[in-house]
């Protein structure tokens, strides 16, 4: 009997703060700072997209990975597999939602693991379309920031520091 297919479970971190946009660029701001006119604010769900090979404007938030021999991975296990062992299984399939909210399934070999991971902000755990796509993190302190978020977004301590780099 084949193994049961687990429900999709995309890798996610919880972040309390807001997203602002200045000059066409979006930044995630920690709760200690008070932005004017945020795109979204409050308790946010941060997910991570892996970019498509040859189409870097598209990414997929992996929810389930099906490996050639029937093993199914979700969450942290799926993320680790994609980034550390997927070269051994280029036909493994990734199921998830694209960065435009569309349901997607593709093989690992169609992902570009050299491109930077895309950080996507959602307003709820059940949302499939991101509300924002920040390219920077502004936080005076990184003590309460999920480590993965610090890994994938450049960090600035003040809004002025980030604006100087735009």
C-alpha atoms as a PDB file:
ATOM      1  CA  UNK A   1       0.000   0.000   0.000  1.00  0.00           C
ATOM      2  CA  UNK A   2       1.470   3.394  -0.971  1.00  0.00           C
ATOM      3  CA  UNK A   3       2.219   5.852   1.825  1.00  0.00           C
ATOM      4  CA  UNK A   4      -0.460   8.394   2.709  1.00  0.00           C
ATOM      5  CA  UNK A   5       0.063  11.818   1.208  1.00  0.00           C
ATOM      6  CA  UNK A   6       0.521  14.324   4.039  1.00  0.00           C
ATOM      7  CA  UNK A   7      -1.140  17.743   3.855  1.00  0.00           C
ATOM      8  CA  UNK A   8       1.043  20.542   2.534  1.00  0.00           C
ATOM      9  CA  UNK A   9       3.000  22.324   5.207  1.00  0.00           C
ATOM     10  CA  UNK A  10       5.080  25.220   3.874  1.00  0.00           C
ATOM     11  CA  UNK A  11       8.018  26.361   5.940  1.00  0.00           C
ATOM     12  CA  UNK A  12       6.980  29.525   7.779  1.00  0.00           C
ATOM     13  CA  UNK A  13       8.138  31.925  10.462  1.00  0.00           C
ATOM     14  CA  UNK A  14       5.960  34.279  12.494  1.00  0.00           C
ATOM     15  CA  UNK A  15       6.940  37.944  12.546  1.00  0.00           C
ATOM     16  CA  UNK A  16       5.307  40.845  14.353  1.00  0.00           C
ATOM     17  CA  UNK A  17       5.721  44.138  12.562  1.00  0.00           C
ATOM     18  CA  UNK A  18       4.825  45.789   9.281  1.00  0.00           C
ATOM     19  CA  UNK A  19       5.804  46.143   5.644  1.00  0.00           C
ATOM     20  CA  UNK A  20       6.396  49.554   4.091  1.00  0.00           C
ATOM     21  CA  UNK A  21       7.110  50.622   0.541  1.00  0.00           C
ATOM     22  CA  UNK A  22       9.390  53.466  -0.491  1.00  0.00           C
ATOM     23  CA  UNK A  23      10.409  54.205  -4.072  1.00  0.00           C
ATOM     24  CA  UNK A  24       9.078  50.851  -5.249  1.00  0.00           C
ATOM     25  CA  UNK A  25      11.049  48.854  -2.672  1.00  0.00           C
ATOM     26  CA  UNK A  26       9.465  47.016   0.238  1.00  0.00           C
ATOM     27  CA  UNK A  27      10.957  46.484   3.693  1.00  0.00           C
ATOM     28  CA  UNK A  28       9.875  44.442   6.672  1.00  0.00           C
ATOM     29  CA  UNK A  29       9.924  46.530   9.877  1.00  0.00           C
ATOM     30  CA  UNK A  30       9.996  45.069  13.383  1.00  0.00           C
ATOM     31  CA  UNK A  31       7.242  45.904  15.880  1.00  0.00           C
ATOM     32  CA  UNK A  32       9.431  48.330  17.840  1.00  0.00           C
ATOM     33  CA  UNK A  33       9.385  50.832  14.968  1.00  0.00           C
ATOM     34  CA  UNK A  34       6.214  52.637  13.917  1.00  0.00           C
ATOM     35  CA  UNK A  35       5.964  53.059  10.155  1.00  0.00           C
ATOM     36  CA  UNK A  36       3.587  55.408   8.394  1.00  0.00           C
ATOM     37  CA  UNK A  37       1.152  53.905   5.892  1.00  0.00           C
ATOM     38  CA  UNK A  38       2.174  50.241   6.120  1.00  0.00           C
ATOM     39  CA  UNK A  39       1.118  47.826   3.380  1.00  0.00           C
ATOM     40  CA  UNK A  40       0.327  45.225   6.053  1.00  0.00           C
ATOM     41  CA  UNK A  41       0.991  45.107   9.780  1.00  0.00           C
ATOM     42  CA  UNK A  42       0.456  42.939  12.836  1.00  0.00           C
ATOM     43  CA  UNK A  43       1.319  39.278  13.186  1.00  0.00           C
ATOM     44  CA  UNK A  44       2.621  38.227   9.792  1.00  0.00           C
ATOM     45  CA  UNK A  45       3.509  34.843   8.329  1.00  0.00           C
ATOM     46  CA  UNK A  46       6.838  34.777   6.517  1.00  0.00           C
ATOM     47  CA  UNK A  47       7.379  32.098   3.882  1.00  0.00           C
ATOM     48  CA  UNK A  48      10.243  31.488   1.526  1.00  0.00           C
ATOM     49  CA  UNK A  49      10.148  30.972  -2.233  1.00  0.00           C
ATOM     50  CA  UNK A  50      12.633  29.058  -4.366  1.00  0.00           C
ATOM     51  CA  UNK A  51      13.083  30.705  -7.759  1.00  0.00           C
ATOM     52  CA  UNK A  52      12.389  28.989 -11.078  1.00  0.00           C
ATOM     53  CA  UNK A  53      15.269  28.143 -13.382  1.00  0.00           C
ATOM     54  CA  UNK A  54      15.306  30.693 -16.212  1.00  0.00           C
ATOM     55  CA  UNK A  55      12.353  32.604 -14.718  1.00  0.00           C
ATOM     56  CA  UNK A  56      13.712  34.359 -11.601  1.00  0.00           C
ATOM     57  CA  UNK A  57      10.597  36.531 -11.296  1.00  0.00           C
ATOM     58  CA  UNK A  58       8.701  33.362 -10.321  1.00  0.00           C
ATOM     59  CA  UNK A  59       9.238  31.330  -7.175  1.00  0.00           C
ATOM     60  CA  UNK A  60       7.476  28.479  -5.420  1.00  0.00           C
ATOM     61  CA  UNK A  61       6.814  28.144  -1.710  1.00  0.00           C
ATOM     62  CA  UNK A  62       7.316  24.405  -1.205  1.00  0.00           C
ATOM     63  CA  UNK A  63       4.501  22.752   0.722  1.00  0.00           C
ATOM     64  CA  UNK A  64       5.259  19.121  -0.112  1.00  0.00           C
ATOM     65  CA  UNK A  65       8.147  17.299  -1.791  1.00  0.00           C
ATOM     66  CA  UNK A  66       7.622  13.850  -3.304  1.00  0.00           C
ATOM     67  CA  UNK A  67      10.885  11.977  -3.754  1.00  0.00           C
ATOM     68  CA  UNK A  68      11.311   9.378  -6.516  1.00  0.00           C
ATOM     69  CA  UNK A  69      10.901   6.363  -4.262  1.00  0.00           C
ATOM     70  CA  UNK A  70       7.650   7.504  -2.601  1.00  0.00           C
ATOM     71  CA  UNK A  71       8.874   9.415   0.436  1.00  0.00           C
ATOM     72  CA  UNK A  72       6.938  12.621   1.156  1.00  0.00           C
ATOM     73  CA  UNK A  73       8.492  15.588   2.949  1.00  0.00           C
ATOM     74  CA  UNK A  74       6.897  18.751   4.357  1.00  0.00           C
ATOM     75  CA  UNK A  75       8.011  21.801   6.356  1.00  0.00           C
ATOM     76  CA  UNK A  76      11.607  21.971   7.559  1.00  0.00           C
ATOM     77  CA  UNK A  77      12.436  18.505   6.164  1.00  0.00           C
ATOM     78  CA  UNK A  78      11.278  19.508   2.676  1.00  0.00           C
ATOM     79  CA  UNK A  79      13.250  22.773   2.833  1.00  0.00           C
ATOM     80  CA  UNK A  80      16.432  20.996   3.946  1.00  0.00           C
ATOM     81  CA  UNK A  81      16.013  18.352   1.256  1.00  0.00           C
ATOM     82  CA  UNK A  82      15.603  20.945  -1.499  1.00  0.00           C
ATOM     83  CA  UNK A  83      18.689  22.892  -0.441  1.00  0.00           C
ATOM     84  CA  UNK A  84      21.013  20.086   0.652  1.00  0.00           C
ATOM     85  CA  UNK A  85      20.096  16.770  -1.014  1.00  0.00           C
ATOM     86  CA  UNK A  86      17.924  17.485  -4.046  1.00  0.00           C
ATOM     87  CA  UNK A  87      20.840  17.122  -6.457  1.00  0.00           C
ATOM     88  CA  UNK A  88      20.613  13.369  -5.786  1.00  0.00           C
ATOM     89  CA  UNK A  89      16.939  13.296  -6.883  1.00  0.00           C
ATOM     90  CA  UNK A  90      16.437  15.738  -9.803  1.00  0.00           C
ATOM     91  CA  UNK A  91      13.048  14.181 -10.644  1.00  0.00           C
ATOM     92  CA  UNK A  92      11.616  14.789  -7.165  1.00  0.00           C
ATOM     93  CA  UNK A  93       8.454  16.860  -7.372  1.00  0.00           C
ATOM     94  CA  UNK A  94       7.705  20.043  -5.462  1.00  0.00           C
ATOM     95  CA  UNK A  95       4.094  20.992  -4.732  1.00  0.00           C
ATOM     96  CA  UNK A  96       3.269  24.477  -3.485  1.00  0.00           C
ATOM     97  CA  UNK A  97       2.068  27.924  -4.353  1.00  0.00           C
ATOM     98  CA  UNK A  98       3.898  30.357  -6.611  1.00  0.00           C
ATOM     99  CA  UNK A  99       4.695  33.891  -5.543  1.00  0.00           C
ATOM    100  CA  UNK A 100       1.601  35.002  -7.479  1.00  0.00           C
ATOM    101  CA  UNK A 101      -0.664  32.636  -5.506  1.00  0.00           C
ATOM    102  CA  UNK A 102      -1.174  30.017  -8.232  1.00  0.00           C
ATOM    103  CA  UNK A 103      -1.024  26.342  -7.319  1.00  0.00           C
ATOM    104  CA  UNK A 104       2.092  24.717  -8.834  1.00  0.00           C
ATOM    105  CA  UNK A 105       3.868  21.387  -9.188  1.00  0.00           C
ATOM    106  CA  UNK A 106       7.265  20.983 -10.798  1.00  0.00           C
ATOM    107  CA  UNK A 107      10.394  18.895 -10.610  1.00  0.00           C
ATOM    108  CA  UNK A 108      13.411  19.935  -8.555  1.00  0.00           C
ATOM    109  CA  UNK A 109      15.559  20.258 -11.682  1.00  0.00           C
ATOM    110  CA  UNK A 110      13.395  23.239 -12.741  1.00  0.00           C
ATOM    111  CA  UNK A 111      14.377  25.231  -9.644  1.00  0.00           C
ATOM    112  CA  UNK A 112      17.366  27.570  -9.499  1.00  0.00           C
ATOM    113  CA  UNK A 113      18.973  26.947  -6.130  1.00  0.00           C
ATOM    114  CA  UNK A 114      21.736  29.469  -6.846  1.00  0.00           C
ATOM    115  CA  UNK A 115      19.324  32.416  -7.005  1.00  0.00           C
ATOM    116  CA  UNK A 116      18.521  34.169  -3.705  1.00  0.00           C
ATOM    117  CA  UNK A 117      15.510  32.870  -1.800  1.00  0.00           C
ATOM    118  CA  UNK A 118      12.484  35.158  -2.124  1.00  0.00           C
ATOM    119  CA  UNK A 119      10.951  36.301   1.163  1.00  0.00           C
ATOM    120  CA  UNK A 120       7.159  36.518   1.030  1.00  0.00           C
ATOM    121  CA  UNK A 121       4.751  37.991   3.592  1.00  0.00           C
ATOM    122  CA  UNK A 122       1.284  36.563   4.212  1.00  0.00           C
ATOM    123  CA  UNK A 123      -1.452  37.863   6.495  1.00  0.00           C
ATOM    124  CA  UNK A 124      -2.592  34.414   7.658  1.00  0.00           C
ATOM    125  CA  UNK A 125      -1.464  30.804   7.769  1.00  0.00           C
ATOM    126  CA  UNK A 126      -4.084  29.821   5.194  1.00  0.00           C
ATOM    127  CA  UNK A 127      -3.272  32.578   2.670  1.00  0.00           C
ATOM    128  CA  UNK A 128      -1.763  31.398  -0.614  1.00  0.00           C
ATOM    129  CA  UNK A 129      -1.123  34.798  -2.214  1.00  0.00           C
ATOM    130  CA  UNK A 130       1.529  36.977  -0.572  1.00  0.00           C
ATOM    131  CA  UNK A 131       0.654  40.492   0.559  1.00  0.00           C
ATOM    132  CA  UNK A 132       4.229  41.744   0.211  1.00  0.00           C
ATOM    133  CA  UNK A 133       7.660  40.821  -1.128  1.00  0.00           C
ATOM    134  CA  UNK A 134      10.186  42.687   1.028  1.00  0.00           C
ATOM    135  CA  UNK A 135      13.829  42.953   0.043  1.00  0.00           C
ATOM    136  CA  UNK A 136      15.136  44.297   3.369  1.00  0.00           C
ATOM    137  CA  UNK A 137      14.613  43.983   7.115  1.00  0.00           C
ATOM    138  CA  UNK A 138      14.644  47.012   9.410  1.00  0.00           C
ATOM    139  CA  UNK A 139      15.015  46.186  13.100  1.00  0.00           C
ATOM    140  CA  UNK A 140      16.866  47.933  15.899  1.00  0.00           C
ATOM    141  CA  UNK A 141      17.463  44.563  17.579  1.00  0.00           C
ATOM    142  CA  UNK A 142      17.592  41.119  16.029  1.00  0.00           C
ATOM    143  CA  UNK A 143      16.954  39.207  19.268  1.00  0.00           C
ATOM    144  CA  UNK A 144      13.381  38.255  18.370  1.00  0.00           C
ATOM    145  CA  UNK A 145      13.895  37.933  14.600  1.00  0.00           C
ATOM    146  CA  UNK A 146      13.742  34.375  13.202  1.00  0.00           C
ATOM    147  CA  UNK A 147      17.294  33.344  12.162  1.00  0.00           C
ATOM    148  CA  UNK A 148      16.137  32.218   8.715  1.00  0.00           C
ATOM    149  CA  UNK A 149      14.732  35.690   8.029  1.00  0.00           C
ATOM    150  CA  UNK A 150      18.106  37.223   8.905  1.00  0.00           C
ATOM    151  CA  UNK A 151      19.737  34.745   6.537  1.00  0.00           C
ATOM    152  CA  UNK A 152      17.597  35.737   3.546  1.00  0.00           C
ATOM    153  CA  UNK A 153      17.053  39.498   3.998  1.00  0.00           C
ATOM    154  CA  UNK A 154      19.695  42.207   4.411  1.00  0.00           C
ATOM    155  CA  UNK A 155      19.332  43.812   7.849  1.00  0.00           C
ATOM    156  CA  UNK A 156      19.332  47.550   8.605  1.00  0.00           C
ATOM    157  CA  UNK A 157      19.020  49.017  12.107  1.00  0.00           C
ATOM    158  CA  UNK A 158      17.160  52.176  11.044  1.00  0.00           C
ATOM    159  CA  UNK A 159      14.884  53.310   8.254  1.00  0.00           C
ATOM    160  CA  UNK A 160      17.446  55.982   7.319  1.00  0.00           C
ATOM    161  CA  UNK A 161      20.172  53.329   6.874  1.00  0.00           C
ATOM    162  CA  UNK A 162      17.950  51.413   4.454  1.00  0.00           C
ATOM    163  CA  UNK A 163      16.946  54.563   2.544  1.00  0.00           C
ATOM    164  CA  UNK A 164      20.612  55.483   2.106  1.00  0.00           C
ATOM    165  CA  UNK A 165      21.110  52.194   0.240  1.00  0.00           C
ATOM    166  CA  UNK A 166      18.163  52.620  -2.155  1.00  0.00           C
END
